[in-house]
């Protein structure tokens, strides 16, 4: 069997990296019938190879089992997800970020936060980094315009598969350009060029950085947790996971019960107070969804 990896998908056609070349591929009709949509990062089996005047083509015969997948951004088989926020503009949506972090933790995907555009306000950037220092694997302050922090980010993405995610306008594509050293340079043989127009990403695409791969994805402003019960939410918060035994009640939800461990965590600064308030908001929303599930 011939194996390849999907690196881009636009309009029902997929660019698949196979043996040093990029093939334009259509999926078999069975995927649509079974309501299975190929994703960036999918490892696939190819068939019906051909060479045309426009390049190489093939058909996606099979999608191999995924080790993980995300709905937003729609990618598969990633080793880490890098959430990019801007220091000031666009205003960081931390509720959105916290939901996305919980979703990544549920799937056991390593999560990082990048505070880009740190030059907008260095004090604000540092305060945002402080909020998430106990929540993720690493927090990196960057400025794509000045190139600061990019080397640290490059060291992270140079191994495995990373996906950049976050709101529109936070500078994900600009950071990818910095990683590639040139906004339109060749990308390690995976794709011909990085052409973003006005740096508005309309589809996810994978690029080579060192020995790793990085996926640039479209920005979004809406995200809802799915398949998460209110009682499970604490499991996906590193600040809270495994600490329920420290609470007075074994079924403590950490939303205001007496004798809850959160009081001490907040006093010690181990759990940011704003992030805790957002935790309670998410918990309340999940409880409401659970209550209305069978109505």
Foldseek 3Di string as FASTA:
>chain_A
DFKWFFFWDDPQWTWTDGPLATAIEHEDPVCVVVVHDDFHGWMFDWADWDADPVGIYTYTDGTDDFLDADVVVGHTNFQAEEEEAELPPVHAPVLVVLLVLLVCLVSPHAYEYEHEPCVVDVVSSVVVLLQCVLFGPYYFYYYLVVGPRLVVVLVVQLDTEYEYAAAPPRCLLSSVCVLCVHQFPAFPSRDRGRDCPVVADDIWGWGHGNNGIYIYGGHDDDDADPPAALQCSLCSGSLRRPCCVQAPDNSDSLQDDPRGPVVVCCVVSVHPPVSSVSNNVNSVVNVVCVVPVVD
